């Protein structure tokens, strides 16, 4: 029907969780070539040309139901990855363990206090992927920010930023889950 308006299923955004690397321009998706910029919602697109997300496709902005579902990224917390509580809106498709959304913006960000350089490099080497029996650097990691530069980028998002003084990444992820439940 021409001129039809799509009515949303919900008025409030869906709240979920995701992980990013911090780069000079904002928050970089870990498995896609996309950067979330401060003060602007991220919008999903699809190379196939349809509106994202589409239930018959894999496109969309991915987010997990719980920060505990992000354990694959827990060790990356020590090397610069941040975890965020996000609000999702627009078209939303439920997926296994989470959602794929059309639009999203961080509601709160969680990071570990920057580690001393030697400790960070040791963790980065320890948790880098193994290829042909040798540890290899994660592509794009050289552009990730650490220290005060990372925190300065997070502050530009105008959302609460919690910096945890925790050396054990899995323990930090559990603390993030508890803090996130208090935000709900």
Protein backbone atom coordinates (compact mmCIF):
# COMPACT_ATOMS: atom_id res chain seq x y z
CA UNK A 1 0.00 0.00 0.00
CA UNK A 2 1.52 3.30 -1.07
CA UNK A 3 2.28 5.72 1.76
CA UNK A 4 1.91 3.00 4.39
CA UNK A 5 3.65 3.65 7.70
CA UNK A 6 5.43 0.84 9.55
CA UNK A 7 4.22 0.76 13.15
CA UNK A 8 6.81 -0.33 15.73
CA UNK A 9 6.19 -3.39 17.90
CA UNK A 10 7.62 -1.60 20.93
CA UNK A 11 7.99 1.96 22.11
CA UNK A 12 11.00 1.40 24.35
CA UNK A 13 14.31 0.31 22.82
CA UNK A 14 15.55 -3.22 23.43
CA UNK A 15 18.55 -3.29 25.79
CA UNK A 16 21.43 -5.64 24.93
CA UNK A 17 25.23 -5.93 25.07
CA UNK A 18 28.17 -5.88 22.66
CA UNK A 19 31.94 -5.47 22.46
CA UNK A 20 34.10 -3.07 20.44
CA UNK A 21 37.68 -1.94 19.97
CA UNK A 22 38.31 1.76 20.57
CA UNK A 23 39.77 3.58 17.55
CA UNK A 24 40.35 7.32 17.02
CA UNK A 25 36.96 7.80 15.28
CA UNK A 26 34.88 5.85 17.82
CA UNK A 27 34.01 2.23 18.53
CA UNK A 28 35.07 -0.32 15.91
CA UNK A 29 33.01 -3.45 15.40
CA UNK A 30 35.16 -6.51 16.05
CA UNK A 31 33.85 -8.64 13.16
CA UNK A 32 32.80 -6.07 10.57
CA UNK A 33 34.31 -3.04 8.90
CA UNK A 34 32.19 -0.49 10.76
CA UNK A 35 32.84 2.27 13.26
CA UNK A 36 30.20 3.56 15.67
CA UNK A 37 30.65 7.33 15.95
CA UNK A 38 29.97 9.51 19.00
CA UNK A 39 26.56 11.21 19.22
CA UNK A 40 25.12 9.38 16.19
CA UNK A 41 23.21 6.09 16.17
CA UNK A 42 24.80 3.23 14.27
CA UNK A 43 22.64 2.14 11.32
CA UNK A 44 22.77 -1.36 9.83
CA UNK A 45 23.15 -1.77 6.10
CA UNK A 46 23.25 -4.81 3.88
CA UNK A 47 25.39 -5.38 0.79
CA UNK A 48 22.38 -7.15 -0.77
CA UNK A 49 20.51 -3.83 -0.89
CA UNK A 50 17.52 -4.59 1.35
CA UNK A 51 16.60 -2.93 4.63
CA UNK A 52 18.60 -4.39 7.51
CA UNK A 53 18.13 -6.53 9.40
CA UNK A 54 16.20 -8.99 7.29
CA UNK A 55 15.06 -12.28 8.88
CA UNK A 56 16.25 -14.18 5.79
CA UNK A 57 19.74 -12.64 5.91
CA UNK A 58 22.60 -12.31 8.44
CA UNK A 59 22.77 -8.51 8.26
CA UNK A 60 22.17 -6.14 11.16
CA UNK A 61 23.86 -4.74 14.24
CA UNK A 62 24.51 -7.72 16.51
CA UNK A 63 24.06 -7.58 20.29
CA UNK A 64 23.91 -10.24 23.01
CA UNK A 65 21.16 -10.60 25.60
CA UNK A 66 23.67 -10.62 28.47
CA UNK A 67 27.26 -9.50 28.97
CA UNK A 68 27.96 -13.05 30.14
CA UNK A 69 27.41 -14.12 26.52
CA UNK A 70 30.50 -12.09 25.58
CA UNK A 71 33.02 -14.41 27.27
CA UNK A 72 34.83 -14.83 23.93
CA UNK A 73 35.91 -11.20 24.33
CA UNK A 74 36.76 -11.30 28.04
CA UNK A 75 40.49 -11.63 27.52
CA UNK A 76 40.41 -8.87 24.93
CA UNK A 77 39.19 -6.56 27.70
CA UNK A 78 42.76 -6.58 28.96
CA UNK A 79 44.08 -5.46 25.59
CA UNK A 80 41.68 -2.63 24.80
CA UNK A 81 38.23 -4.04 24.03
CA UNK A 82 35.30 -2.36 25.77
CA UNK A 83 31.92 -3.85 26.61
CA UNK A 84 28.79 -1.77 26.22
CA UNK A 85 25.17 -1.85 27.17
CA UNK A 86 23.32 -0.76 24.02
CA UNK A 87 19.84 0.34 23.08
CA UNK A 88 18.43 -1.20 19.91
CA UNK A 89 15.50 0.15 17.92
CA UNK A 90 13.96 0.22 14.46
CA UNK A 91 13.63 -3.21 12.91
CA UNK A 92 14.85 -5.91 15.32
CA UNK A 93 15.28 -9.61 14.62
CA UNK A 94 15.69 -12.04 17.52
CA UNK A 95 18.67 -14.31 17.04
CA UNK A 96 20.31 -17.10 19.00
CA UNK A 97 21.66 -15.50 22.18
CA UNK A 98 20.69 -11.98 21.18
CA UNK A 99 19.42 -9.66 18.50
CA UNK A 100 20.16 -8.07 15.14
CA UNK A 101 18.98 -4.47 14.95
CA UNK A 102 18.57 -1.66 12.45
CA UNK A 103 19.67 1.12 14.81
CA UNK A 104 21.71 1.21 18.01
CA UNK A 105 23.66 3.47 20.37
CA UNK A 106 25.61 2.74 23.55
CA UNK A 107 23.79 3.36 26.83
CA UNK A 108 26.81 2.63 29.07
CA UNK A 109 30.42 1.62 28.45
CA UNK A 110 32.74 -0.55 30.55
CA UNK A 111 36.52 -0.75 30.23
CA UNK A 112 39.43 -2.03 32.26
CA UNK A 113 41.93 0.44 33.62
CA UNK A 114 44.77 0.61 31.09
CA UNK A 115 47.50 -1.92 31.77
CA UNK A 116 51.21 -1.18 31.82
CA UNK A 117 52.67 -1.63 28.31
CA UNK A 118 54.66 -4.78 29.13
CA UNK A 119 51.64 -6.50 30.73
CA UNK A 120 49.36 -5.50 27.84
CA UNK A 121 51.81 -6.85 25.24
CA UNK A 122 52.17 -10.10 27.18
CA UNK A 123 48.38 -10.59 27.26
CA UNK A 124 48.06 -9.61 23.61
CA UNK A 125 50.62 -12.23 22.64
CA UNK A 126 49.10 -14.83 24.96
CA UNK A 127 45.56 -14.43 23.57
CA UNK A 128 46.34 -13.75 19.92
CA UNK A 129 44.96 -16.38 17.54
CA UNK A 130 47.14 -19.34 16.58
CA UNK A 131 47.77 -19.90 12.88
CA UNK A 132 49.95 -22.81 11.71
CA UNK A 133 51.20 -23.29 15.27
CA UNK A 134 52.28 -19.64 15.73
CA UNK A 135 50.54 -16.75 17.43
CA UNK A 136 49.60 -14.00 14.99
CA UNK A 137 48.46 -10.44 15.70
CA UNK A 138 44.76 -9.69 15.38
CA UNK A 139 44.14 -7.75 12.13
CA UNK A 140 43.53 -4.08 12.81
CA UNK A 141 44.64 -4.26 16.42
CA UNK A 142 47.48 -1.82 15.72
CA UNK A 143 44.84 0.92 15.31
CA UNK A 144 43.21 0.19 18.68
CA UNK A 145 43.68 2.88 21.29
CA UNK A 146 44.77 2.27 24.86
CA UNK A 147 45.35 4.37 27.94
CA UNK A 148 44.10 7.94 28.17
CA UNK A 149 43.44 8.15 24.42
CA UNK A 150 40.96 5.26 24.70
CA UNK A 151 39.15 6.89 27.64
CA UNK A 152 38.99 10.24 25.80
CA UNK A 153 37.17 8.58 22.87
CA UNK A 154 34.73 6.83 25.24
CA UNK A 155 33.91 10.16 26.93
CA UNK A 156 32.80 11.61 23.56
CA UNK A 157 29.82 9.21 23.52
CA UNK A 158 28.12 11.15 26.37
CA UNK A 159 27.09 7.97 28.21
CA UNK A 160 28.28 6.64 31.59
CA UNK A 161 31.78 5.13 31.35
CA UNK A 162 32.85 2.74 34.12
CA UNK A 163 36.54 1.93 34.35
CA UNK A 164 37.20 -1.23 36.35
CA UNK A 165 40.40 -1.74 38.29
CA UNK A 166 40.47 -5.47 37.61
CA UNK A 167 43.35 -7.59 36.33
CA UNK A 168 41.36 -10.79 35.72
CA UNK A 169 39.28 -10.38 32.52
CA UNK A 170 36.66 -13.05 33.35
CA UNK A 171 36.15 -11.53 36.80
CA UNK A 172 35.81 -8.12 35.13
CA UNK A 173 33.14 -9.47 32.78
CA UNK A 174 31.21 -10.83 35.77
CA UNK A 175 31.44 -7.43 37.49
CA UNK A 176 30.16 -5.78 34.29
CA UNK A 177 27.18 -8.17 34.30
CA UNK A 178 26.36 -7.27 37.91
CA UNK A 179 26.74 -3.54 37.28
CA UNK A 180 24.62 -3.84 34.14
CA UNK A 181 21.80 -5.49 36.05
CA UNK A 182 21.78 -2.50 38.41
CA UNK A 183 21.36 -0.17 35.41
CA UNK A 184 18.25 -1.99 34.21
